[in-house]
Amino acid sequence: MAKLRREQVMIAKEMVARAVPVRRLATQLCVDESTLRYRLQRPPDAPDGRRERGVPSGRRNSTGTPLISRRCIARLRSRRVGSSARVNRR
């Protein structure tokens, strides 16, 4: 799936105003139909809300990267391939 550029959104708005189906536009722009519908409904000056979202724990180290709890590290280690916990013996 491709990312829609600002120019493509402007073209899509013009084509929809000329009664071209959104489904056809989505296939021509190589994007999903739901992506195109979302971008057509979204105001052009709306901020991207993903940047303001914080880390679930909110804790970060001195470099600014999120901290991983010991519980998460233990869970990831137990999911390793070849771990004795994952071997099915019959």
N, C-alpha and C. Protein backbone atom coordinates (compact mmCIF):
# COMPACT_ATOMS: atom_id res chain seq x y z
N MET A 1 0.85 -1.17 0.00
CA MET A 1 0.00 0.00 0.00
C MET A 1 0.89 1.23 0.00
N ALA A 2 0.56 2.18 -0.82
CA ALA A 2 1.36 3.39 -0.95
C ALA A 2 0.81 4.50 -0.05
N LYS A 3 1.65 5.47 0.21
CA LYS A 3 1.25 6.62 1.00
C LYS A 3 0.76 7.71 0.05
N LEU A 4 -0.35 8.32 0.40
CA LEU A 4 -0.91 9.38 -0.45
C LEU A 4 -0.18 10.69 -0.19
N ARG A 5 0.27 11.30 -1.26
CA ARG A 5 0.88 12.62 -1.15
C ARG A 5 -0.20 13.68 -1.23
N ARG A 6 0.16 14.89 -0.86
CA ARG A 6 -0.79 16.00 -0.85
C ARG A 6 -1.39 16.25 -2.24
N GLU A 7 -0.56 16.14 -3.28
CA GLU A 7 -1.05 16.36 -4.64
C GLU A 7 -2.08 15.30 -5.04
N GLN A 8 -1.83 14.05 -4.63
CA GLN A 8 -2.76 12.98 -4.96
C GLN A 8 -4.10 13.18 -4.26
N VAL A 9 -4.08 13.69 -3.04
CA VAL A 9 -5.33 13.95 -2.33
C VAL A 9 -6.10 15.06 -3.02
N MET A 10 -5.40 16.09 -3.48
CA MET A 10 -6.07 17.18 -4.19
C MET A 10 -6.69 16.68 -5.50
N ILE A 11 -5.98 15.83 -6.22
CA ILE A 11 -6.51 15.27 -7.46
C ILE A 11 -7.72 14.39 -7.16
N ALA A 12 -7.64 13.60 -6.09
CA ALA A 12 -8.75 12.72 -5.73
C ALA A 12 -9.99 13.54 -5.37
N LYS A 13 -9.81 14.66 -4.68
CA LYS A 13 -10.96 15.50 -4.34
C LYS A 13 -11.62 16.05 -5.60
N GLU A 14 -10.83 16.45 -6.57
CA GLU A 14 -11.38 16.96 -7.83
C GLU A 14 -12.13 15.87 -8.58
N MET A 15 -11.55 14.67 -8.60
CA MET A 15 -12.19 13.57 -9.32
C MET A 15 -13.50 13.13 -8.65
N VAL A 16 -13.53 13.13 -7.33
CA VAL A 16 -14.77 12.79 -6.63
C VAL A 16 -15.83 13.85 -6.90
N ALA A 17 -15.42 15.10 -6.98
CA ALA A 17 -16.36 16.18 -7.31
C ALA A 17 -16.94 15.99 -8.71
N ARG A 18 -16.19 15.31 -9.57
CA ARG A 18 -16.66 15.03 -10.94
C ARG A 18 -17.36 13.69 -11.04
N ALA A 19 -17.73 13.11 -9.92
CA ALA A 19 -18.53 11.88 -9.82
C ALA A 19 -17.77 10.63 -10.25
N VAL A 20 -16.45 10.60 -10.07
CA VAL A 20 -15.68 9.38 -10.30
C VAL A 20 -15.75 8.56 -9.02
N PRO A 21 -16.04 7.26 -9.11
CA PRO A 21 -16.17 6.44 -7.91
C PRO A 21 -14.85 6.35 -7.12
N VAL A 22 -14.98 6.35 -5.81
CA VAL A 22 -13.81 6.28 -4.93
C VAL A 22 -13.08 4.97 -5.13
N ARG A 23 -13.80 3.91 -5.37
CA ARG A 23 -13.19 2.60 -5.58
C ARG A 23 -12.26 2.61 -6.79
N ARG A 24 -12.70 3.25 -7.87
CA ARG A 24 -11.87 3.34 -9.06
C ARG A 24 -10.65 4.22 -8.82
N LEU A 25 -10.85 5.33 -8.11
CA LEU A 25 -9.72 6.21 -7.78
C LEU A 25 -8.68 5.49 -6.93
N ALA A 26 -9.16 4.69 -5.98
CA ALA A 26 -8.23 3.98 -5.10
C ALA A 26 -7.37 3.01 -5.89
N THR A 27 -7.96 2.31 -6.83
CA THR A 27 -7.17 1.38 -7.63
C THR A 27 -6.19 2.13 -8.53
N GLN A 28 -6.58 3.29 -9.04
CA GLN A 28 -5.68 4.06 -9.89
C GLN A 28 -4.51 4.64 -9.09
N LEU A 29 -4.75 5.01 -7.85
CA LEU A 29 -3.70 5.58 -7.00
C LEU A 29 -2.93 4.51 -6.23
N CYS A 30 -3.30 3.24 -6.39
CA CYS A 30 -2.64 2.11 -5.73
C CYS A 30 -2.71 2.22 -4.20
N VAL A 31 -3.87 2.60 -3.69
CA VAL A 31 -4.09 2.65 -2.25
C VAL A 31 -5.37 1.91 -1.92
N ASP A 32 -5.56 1.62 -0.65
CA ASP A 32 -6.77 0.97 -0.20
C ASP A 32 -7.93 1.97 -0.24
N GLU A 33 -9.11 1.46 -0.49
CA GLU A 33 -10.28 2.33 -0.57
C GLU A 33 -10.54 3.05 0.75
N SER A 34 -10.34 2.37 1.86
CA SER A 34 -10.58 2.99 3.16
C SER A 34 -9.58 4.11 3.43
N THR A 35 -8.34 3.95 2.95
CA THR A 35 -7.33 5.00 3.10
C THR A 35 -7.76 6.25 2.37
N LEU A 36 -8.23 6.07 1.15
CA LEU A 36 -8.65 7.22 0.35
C LEU A 36 -9.87 7.90 0.96
N ARG A 37 -10.84 7.11 1.43
CA ARG A 37 -12.02 7.71 2.06
C ARG A 37 -11.64 8.50 3.31
N TYR A 38 -10.70 7.96 4.10
CA TYR A 38 -10.24 8.65 5.31
C TYR A 38 -9.59 9.97 4.95
N ARG A 39 -8.71 9.97 3.97
CA ARG A 39 -8.01 11.20 3.59
C ARG A 39 -8.94 12.22 2.96
N LEU A 40 -9.99 11.78 2.29
CA LEU A 40 -10.95 12.72 1.70
C LEU A 40 -11.80 13.38 2.77
N GLN A 41 -12.10 12.68 3.85
CA GLN A 41 -12.93 13.24 4.91
C GLN A 41 -12.13 14.10 5.89
N ARG A 42 -10.83 13.85 5.98
CA ARG A 42 -9.98 14.54 6.96
C ARG A 42 -9.71 15.97 6.51
N PRO A 43 -9.83 16.94 7.40
CA PRO A 43 -9.53 18.33 7.03
C PRO A 43 -8.06 18.48 6.63
N PRO A 44 -7.76 19.32 5.64
CA PRO A 44 -6.36 19.43 5.18
C PRO A 44 -5.40 19.99 6.21
N ASP A 45 -5.89 20.79 7.14
CA ASP A 45 -4.99 21.40 8.13
C ASP A 45 -5.01 20.66 9.48
N ALA A 46 -5.59 19.45 9.51
CA ALA A 46 -5.66 18.69 10.75
C ALA A 46 -4.27 18.17 11.12
N PRO A 47 -3.86 18.31 12.38
CA PRO A 47 -2.54 17.82 12.78
C PRO A 47 -2.52 16.30 12.86
N ASP A 48 -1.36 15.74 12.70
CA ASP A 48 -1.20 14.31 12.82
C ASP A 48 -1.14 13.96 14.30
N GLY A 49 -2.09 13.22 14.81
CA GLY A 49 -2.18 12.95 16.23
C GLY A 49 -1.22 11.91 16.74
N ARG A 50 -0.52 11.19 15.85
CA ARG A 50 0.39 10.14 16.30
C ARG A 50 1.59 10.71 17.02
N ARG A 51 2.04 11.90 16.66
CA ARG A 51 3.24 12.48 17.27
C ARG A 51 3.00 12.83 18.73
N GLU A 52 1.80 13.25 19.08
CA GLU A 52 1.51 13.66 20.46
C GLU A 52 1.28 12.48 21.38
N ARG A 53 1.02 11.30 20.82
CA ARG A 53 0.79 10.13 21.66
C ARG A 53 2.07 9.74 22.36
N GLY A 54 1.98 9.47 23.61
CA GLY A 54 3.15 9.10 24.38
C GLY A 54 3.36 7.60 24.42
N VAL A 55 4.41 7.21 25.06
CA VAL A 55 4.68 5.80 25.30
C VAL A 55 3.70 5.35 26.38
N PRO A 56 3.16 4.12 26.30
CA PRO A 56 2.18 3.69 27.30
C PRO A 56 2.66 3.87 28.74
N SER A 57 3.91 3.54 29.00
CA SER A 57 4.39 3.71 30.37
C SER A 57 4.79 5.15 30.63
N GLY A 58 5.15 5.88 29.57
CA GLY A 58 5.55 7.27 29.72
C GLY A 58 6.97 7.43 30.20
N ARG A 59 7.67 6.33 30.46
CA ARG A 59 9.03 6.41 30.98
C ARG A 59 10.02 6.33 29.83
N ARG A 60 11.03 7.18 29.89
CA ARG A 60 12.06 7.18 28.86
C ARG A 60 13.43 7.28 29.52
N ASN A 61 14.45 6.81 28.81
CA ASN A 61 15.80 6.93 29.35
C ASN A 61 16.40 8.27 28.95
N SER A 62 17.68 8.47 29.23
CA SER A 62 18.31 9.77 28.98
C SER A 62 18.41 10.11 27.50
N THR A 63 18.40 9.11 26.62
CA THR A 63 18.48 9.39 25.18
C THR A 63 17.12 9.68 24.58
N GLY A 64 16.05 9.47 25.34
CA GLY A 64 14.71 9.75 24.85
C GLY A 64 13.98 8.54 24.31
N THR A 65 14.62 7.38 24.28
CA THR A 65 13.96 6.18 23.81
C THR A 65 13.16 5.55 24.95
N PRO A 66 12.05 4.87 24.63
CA PRO A 66 11.22 4.28 25.68
C PRO A 66 11.95 3.18 26.43
N LEU A 67 11.69 3.10 27.72
CA LEU A 67 12.26 2.04 28.55
C LEU A 67 11.43 0.78 28.40
N ILE A 68 12.10 -0.34 28.40
CA ILE A 68 11.41 -1.62 28.35
C ILE A 68 11.49 -2.22 29.74
N SER A 69 10.37 -2.63 30.26
CA SER A 69 10.36 -3.17 31.61
C SER A 69 10.98 -4.56 31.65
N ARG A 70 11.40 -4.97 32.81
CA ARG A 70 11.99 -6.30 32.97
C ARG A 70 10.98 -7.38 32.63
N ARG A 71 9.72 -7.11 32.92
CA ARG A 71 8.66 -8.07 32.60
C ARG A 71 8.57 -8.30 31.10
N CYS A 72 8.68 -7.22 30.32
CA CYS A 72 8.62 -7.35 28.86
C CYS A 72 9.83 -8.11 28.34
N ILE A 73 11.00 -7.84 28.90
CA ILE A 73 12.21 -8.55 28.46
C ILE A 73 12.08 -10.03 28.75
N ALA A 74 11.57 -10.38 29.93
CA ALA A 74 11.40 -11.79 30.28
C ALA A 74 10.41 -12.46 29.34
N ARG A 75 9.35 -11.75 28.99
CA ARG A 75 8.35 -12.31 28.08
C ARG A 75 8.95 -12.54 26.69
N LEU A 76 9.76 -11.59 26.22
CA LEU A 76 10.39 -11.74 24.91
C LEU A 76 11.39 -12.90 24.91
N ARG A 77 12.13 -13.07 25.99
CA ARG A 77 13.08 -14.17 26.07
C ARG A 77 12.38 -15.52 26.07
N SER A 78 11.21 -15.59 26.70
CA SER A 78 10.50 -16.87 26.75
C SER A 78 9.88 -17.23 25.40
N ARG A 79 9.75 -16.27 24.51
CA ARG A 79 9.15 -16.54 23.19
C ARG A 79 10.20 -16.90 22.14
N ARG A 80 11.47 -16.94 22.50
CA ARG A 80 12.52 -17.25 21.52
C ARG A 80 12.30 -18.61 20.91
N VAL A 81 12.66 -18.72 19.64
CA VAL A 81 12.59 -20.02 18.96
C VAL A 81 13.65 -20.92 19.54
N GLY A 82 13.28 -22.15 19.82
CA GLY A 82 14.22 -23.09 20.40
C GLY A 82 14.22 -23.08 21.90
N SER A 83 13.41 -22.26 22.49
CA SER A 83 13.33 -22.21 23.94
C SER A 83 12.70 -23.50 24.45
N SER A 84 13.15 -23.96 25.60
CA SER A 84 12.63 -25.23 26.14
C SER A 84 11.15 -25.11 26.47
N ALA A 85 10.65 -23.90 26.70
CA ALA A 85 9.26 -23.73 27.02
C ALA A 85 8.38 -23.92 25.76
N ARG A 86 8.96 -23.77 24.59
CA ARG A 86 8.18 -23.84 23.36
C ARG A 86 8.28 -25.19 22.67
N VAL A 87 9.09 -26.10 23.16
CA VAL A 87 9.29 -27.39 22.50
C VAL A 87 8.18 -28.34 22.89
N ASN A 88 7.56 -28.95 21.91
CA ASN A 88 6.51 -29.93 22.15
C ASN A 88 7.13 -31.32 22.06
N ARG A 89 7.20 -32.00 23.17
CA ARG A 89 7.78 -33.35 23.18
C ARG A 89 6.66 -34.35 23.31
N ARG A 90 6.78 -35.42 22.51
CA ARG A 90 5.75 -36.46 22.55
C ARG A 90 6.36 -37.79 22.84
